[in-house]
PDB file of N, CA and C in Angstrom:
ATOM      1  N   UNK A   1     -12.990   6.977  -9.572  1.00  0.00           N
ATOM      2  CA  UNK A   1     -14.321   7.535  -9.621  1.00  0.00           C
ATOM      3  C   UNK A   1     -14.230   8.999 -10.026  1.00  0.00           C
ATOM      4  N   UNK A   2     -15.198   9.415 -10.773  1.00  0.00           N
ATOM      5  CA  UNK A   2     -15.218  10.806 -11.212  1.00  0.00           C
ATOM      6  C   UNK A   2     -15.689  11.711 -10.075  1.00  0.00           C
ATOM      7  N   UNK A   3     -15.198  12.929 -10.097  1.00  0.00           N
ATOM      8  CA  UNK A   3     -15.560  13.926  -9.087  1.00  0.00           C
ATOM      9  C   UNK A   3     -17.076  14.077  -8.991  1.00  0.00           C
ATOM     10  N   UNK A   4     -17.755  14.161 -10.117  1.00  0.00           N
ATOM     11  CA  UNK A   4     -19.211  14.353 -10.114  1.00  0.00           C
ATOM     12  C   UNK A   4     -19.931  13.181  -9.449  1.00  0.00           C
ATOM     13  N   UNK A   5     -19.435  11.979  -9.608  1.00  0.00           N
ATOM     14  CA  UNK A   5     -20.051  10.805  -8.987  1.00  0.00           C
ATOM     15  C   UNK A   5     -19.876  10.841  -7.484  1.00  0.00           C
ATOM     16  N   UNK A   6     -18.683  11.133  -7.029  1.00  0.00           N
ATOM     17  CA  UNK A   6     -18.411  11.160  -5.586  1.00  0.00           C
ATOM     18  C   UNK A   6     -19.197  12.261  -4.909  1.00  0.00           C
ATOM     19  N   UNK A   7     -19.207  13.435  -5.487  1.00  0.00           N
ATOM     20  CA  UNK A   7     -19.891  14.578  -4.875  1.00  0.00           C
ATOM     21  C   UNK A   7     -21.403  14.492  -5.083  1.00  0.00           C
ATOM     22  N   UNK A   8     -21.828  14.295  -6.309  1.00  0.00           N
ATOM     23  CA  UNK A   8     -23.244  14.347  -6.629  1.00  0.00           C
ATOM     24  C   UNK A   8     -24.027  13.118  -6.205  1.00  0.00           C
ATOM     25  N   UNK A   9     -23.527  11.956  -6.526  1.00  0.00           N
ATOM     26  CA  UNK A   9     -24.281  10.734  -6.270  1.00  0.00           C
ATOM     27  C   UNK A   9     -24.135  10.246  -4.833  1.00  0.00           C
ATOM     28  N   UNK A  10     -22.915  10.247  -4.328  1.00  0.00           N
ATOM     29  CA  UNK A  10     -22.664   9.688  -2.999  1.00  0.00           C
ATOM     30  C   UNK A  10     -22.613  10.723  -1.888  1.00  0.00           C
ATOM     31  N   UNK A  11     -22.743  12.018  -2.241  1.00  0.00           N
ATOM     32  CA  UNK A  11     -22.691  13.095  -1.241  1.00  0.00           C
ATOM     33  C   UNK A  11     -21.369  13.066  -0.464  1.00  0.00           C
ATOM     34  N   UNK A  12     -20.294  12.770  -1.172  1.00  0.00           N
ATOM     35  CA  UNK A  12     -18.980  12.691  -0.540  1.00  0.00           C
ATOM     36  C   UNK A  12     -18.188  13.967  -0.717  1.00  0.00           C
ATOM     37  N   UNK A  13     -16.917  13.892  -0.314  1.00  0.00           N
ATOM     38  CA  UNK A  13     -16.008  15.034  -0.419  1.00  0.00           C
ATOM     39  C   UNK A  13     -14.687  14.562  -1.013  1.00  0.00           C
ATOM     40  N   UNK A  14     -14.036  15.467  -1.735  1.00  0.00           N
ATOM     41  CA  UNK A  14     -12.692  15.212  -2.280  1.00  0.00           C
ATOM     42  C   UNK A  14     -11.838  16.446  -2.047  1.00  0.00           C
ATOM     43  N   UNK A  15     -10.578  16.236  -1.651  1.00  0.00           N
ATOM     44  CA  UNK A  15      -9.657  17.355  -1.527  1.00  0.00           C
ATOM     45  C   UNK A  15      -8.230  16.818  -1.566  1.00  0.00           C
ATOM     46  N   UNK A  16      -7.286  17.721  -1.689  1.00  0.00           N
ATOM     47  CA  UNK A  16      -5.892  17.298  -1.689  1.00  0.00           C
ATOM     48  C   UNK A  16      -5.033  18.351  -1.010  1.00  0.00           C
ATOM     49  N   UNK A  17      -3.884  17.897  -0.561  1.00  0.00           N
ATOM     50  CA  UNK A  17      -2.867  18.795  -0.031  1.00  0.00           C
ATOM     51  C   UNK A  17      -1.589  18.541  -0.810  1.00  0.00           C
ATOM     52  N   UNK A  18      -0.749  19.531  -0.889  1.00  0.00           N
ATOM     53  CA  UNK A  18       0.487  19.400  -1.645  1.00  0.00           C
ATOM     54  C   UNK A  18       1.601  20.180  -0.955  1.00  0.00           C
ATOM     55  N   UNK A  19       2.765  19.562  -0.893  1.00  0.00           N
ATOM     56  CA  UNK A  19       3.946  20.228  -0.342  1.00  0.00           C
ATOM     57  C   UNK A  19       5.066  20.148  -1.364  1.00  0.00           C
ATOM     58  N   UNK A  20       5.664  21.290  -1.617  1.00  0.00           N
ATOM     59  CA  UNK A  20       6.725  21.355  -2.606  1.00  0.00           C
ATOM     60  C   UNK A  20       7.843  20.385  -2.241  1.00  0.00           C
ATOM     61  N   UNK A  21       8.313  19.640  -3.212  1.00  0.00           N
ATOM     62  CA  UNK A  21       9.392  18.651  -3.083  1.00  0.00           C
ATOM     63  C   UNK A  21       9.028  17.456  -2.203  1.00  0.00           C
ATOM     64  N   UNK A  22       7.755  17.339  -1.793  1.00  0.00           N
ATOM     65  CA  UNK A  22       7.335  16.206  -0.981  1.00  0.00           C
ATOM     66  C   UNK A  22       6.217  15.404  -1.635  1.00  0.00           C
ATOM     67  N   UNK A  23       5.424  16.033  -2.498  1.00  0.00           N
ATOM     68  CA  UNK A  23       4.339  15.330  -3.163  1.00  0.00           C
ATOM     69  C   UNK A  23       2.976  15.815  -2.714  1.00  0.00           C
ATOM     70  N   UNK A  24       1.980  15.051  -3.121  1.00  0.00           N
ATOM     71  CA  UNK A  24       0.586  15.419  -2.843  1.00  0.00           C
ATOM     72  C   UNK A  24      -0.136  14.262  -2.174  1.00  0.00           C
ATOM     73  N   UNK A  25      -1.140  14.607  -1.386  1.00  0.00           N
ATOM     74  CA  UNK A  25      -2.019  13.619  -0.780  1.00  0.00           C
ATOM     75  C   UNK A  25      -3.431  13.907  -1.256  1.00  0.00           C
ATOM     76  N   UNK A  26      -4.121  12.871  -1.700  1.00  0.00           N
ATOM     77  CA  UNK A  26      -5.495  12.997  -2.164  1.00  0.00           C
ATOM     78  C   UNK A  26      -6.414  12.283  -1.189  1.00  0.00           C
ATOM     79  N   UNK A  27      -7.539  12.922  -0.863  1.00  0.00           N
ATOM     80  CA  UNK A  27      -8.470  12.373   0.107  1.00  0.00           C
ATOM     81  C   UNK A  27      -9.853  12.246  -0.509  1.00  0.00           C
ATOM     82  N   UNK A  28     -10.516  11.155  -0.197  1.00  0.00           N
ATOM     83  CA  UNK A  28     -11.901  10.937  -0.614  1.00  0.00           C
ATOM     84  C   UNK A  28     -12.658  10.518   0.638  1.00  0.00           C
ATOM     85  N   UNK A  29     -13.753  11.212   0.919  1.00  0.00           N
ATOM     86  CA  UNK A  29     -14.582  10.898   2.081  1.00  0.00           C
ATOM     87  C   UNK A  29     -15.985  10.549   1.596  1.00  0.00           C
ATOM     88  N   UNK A  30     -16.438   9.353   1.964  1.00  0.00           N
ATOM     89  CA  UNK A  30     -17.768   8.895   1.589  1.00  0.00           C
ATOM     90  C   UNK A  30     -18.574   8.594   2.845  1.00  0.00           C
ATOM     91  N   UNK A  31     -19.863   8.926   2.842  1.00  0.00           N
ATOM     92  CA  UNK A  31     -20.691   8.605   4.009  1.00  0.00           C
ATOM     93  C   UNK A  31     -20.902   7.094   4.097  1.00  0.00           C
ATOM     94  N   UNK A  32     -21.040   6.590   5.303  1.00  0.00           N
ATOM     95  CA  UNK A  32     -21.315   5.164   5.488  1.00  0.00           C
ATOM     96  C   UNK A  32     -22.729   4.816   5.045  1.00  0.00           C
ATOM     97  N   UNK A  33     -23.660   5.728   5.252  1.00  0.00           N
ATOM     98  CA  UNK A  33     -25.050   5.495   4.880  1.00  0.00           C
ATOM     99  C   UNK A  33     -25.553   6.723   4.134  1.00  0.00           C
ATOM    100  N   UNK A  34     -26.161   6.474   2.995  1.00  0.00           N
ATOM    101  CA  UNK A  34     -26.754   7.559   2.216  1.00  0.00           C
ATOM    102  C   UNK A  34     -28.003   7.001   1.558  1.00  0.00           C
ATOM    103  N   UNK A  35     -29.142   7.200   2.167  1.00  0.00           N
ATOM    104  CA  UNK A  35     -30.379   6.594   1.682  1.00  0.00           C
ATOM    105  C   UNK A  35     -30.746   7.068   0.283  1.00  0.00           C
ATOM    106  N   UNK A  36     -30.469   8.322  -0.060  1.00  0.00           N
ATOM    107  CA  UNK A  36     -30.790   8.819  -1.400  1.00  0.00           C
ATOM    108  C   UNK A  36     -29.980   8.077  -2.451  1.00  0.00           C
ATOM    109  N   UNK A  37     -28.697   7.899  -2.228  1.00  0.00           N
ATOM    110  CA  UNK A  37     -27.847   7.187  -3.185  1.00  0.00           C
ATOM    111  C   UNK A  37     -28.258   5.719  -3.274  1.00  0.00           C
ATOM    112  N   UNK A  38     -28.606   5.104  -2.148  1.00  0.00           N
ATOM    113  CA  UNK A  38     -29.051   3.713  -2.152  1.00  0.00           C
ATOM    114  C   UNK A  38     -30.300   3.541  -2.981  1.00  0.00           C
ATOM    115  N   UNK A  39     -31.258   4.454  -2.845  1.00  0.00           N
ATOM    116  CA  UNK A  39     -32.501   4.376  -3.594  1.00  0.00           C
ATOM    117  C   UNK A  39     -32.239   4.507  -5.091  1.00  0.00           C
ATOM    118  N   UNK A  40     -31.360   5.422  -5.491  1.00  0.00           N
ATOM    119  CA  UNK A  40     -31.034   5.610  -6.910  1.00  0.00           C
ATOM    120  C   UNK A  40     -30.310   4.378  -7.450  1.00  0.00           C
ATOM    121  N   UNK A  41     -29.408   3.811  -6.672  1.00  0.00           N
ATOM    122  CA  UNK A  41     -28.618   2.661  -7.106  1.00  0.00           C
ATOM    123  C   UNK A  41     -29.491   1.446  -7.355  1.00  0.00           C
ATOM    124  N   UNK A  42     -30.547   1.298  -6.558  1.00  0.00           N
ATOM    125  CA  UNK A  42     -31.424   0.142  -6.667  1.00  0.00           C
ATOM    126  C   UNK A  42     -32.317   0.201  -7.896  1.00  0.00           C
ATOM    127  N   UNK A  43     -32.485   1.370  -8.525  1.00  0.00           N
ATOM    128  CA  UNK A  43     -33.365   1.504  -9.692  1.00  0.00           C
ATOM    129  C   UNK A  43     -32.816   0.796 -10.901  1.00  0.00           C
TER     130      UNK A  43
END
Protein backbone atom coordinates (compact mmCIF):
# COMPACT_ATOMS: atom_id res chain seq x y z
CA UNK A 1 0.00 0.00 0.00
CA UNK A 2 1.18 3.48 -0.74
CA UNK A 3 2.01 5.85 2.09
CA UNK A 4 -0.65 8.33 0.95
CA UNK A 5 -3.35 5.62 1.04
CA UNK A 6 -2.47 4.42 4.53
CA UNK A 7 -2.17 7.91 5.99
CA UNK A 8 -4.76 9.81 4.00
CA UNK A 9 -7.50 7.30 3.32
CA UNK A 10 -7.31 4.98 6.31
CA UNK A 11 -6.00 7.49 8.89
CA UNK A 12 -3.20 5.06 9.74
CA UNK A 13 0.45 5.41 10.69
CA UNK A 14 3.71 4.14 9.19
CA UNK A 15 7.19 4.17 10.71
CA UNK A 16 10.37 2.16 10.81
CA UNK A 17 13.34 1.50 13.03
CA UNK A 18 16.80 0.52 11.88
CA UNK A 19 19.87 -0.87 13.61
CA UNK A 20 23.23 -0.99 11.93
CA UNK A 21 24.24 -4.55 10.97
CA UNK A 22 20.87 -5.87 12.20
CA UNK A 23 18.34 -4.61 9.64
CA UNK A 24 15.15 -2.61 9.70
CA UNK A 25 11.64 -3.10 11.02
CA UNK A 26 8.67 -1.52 9.26
CA UNK A 27 5.40 -0.88 11.06
CA UNK A 28 1.93 -0.12 9.74
CA UNK A 29 -0.90 0.77 12.12
CA UNK A 30 -4.48 0.89 10.89
CA UNK A 31 -7.58 1.75 12.92
CA UNK A 32 -10.11 -1.04 13.40
CA UNK A 33 -12.98 1.32 12.62
CA UNK A 34 -12.87 4.42 10.47
CA UNK A 35 -16.30 5.64 9.43
CA UNK A 36 -14.93 8.27 7.02
CA UNK A 37 -12.89 5.69 5.09
CA UNK A 38 -15.84 3.26 5.09
CA UNK A 39 -18.14 5.90 3.62
CA UNK A 40 -15.62 6.75 0.86
CA UNK A 41 -15.00 3.07 0.08
CA UNK A 42 -18.71 2.39 -0.37
CA UNK A 43 -19.07 5.10 -3.07
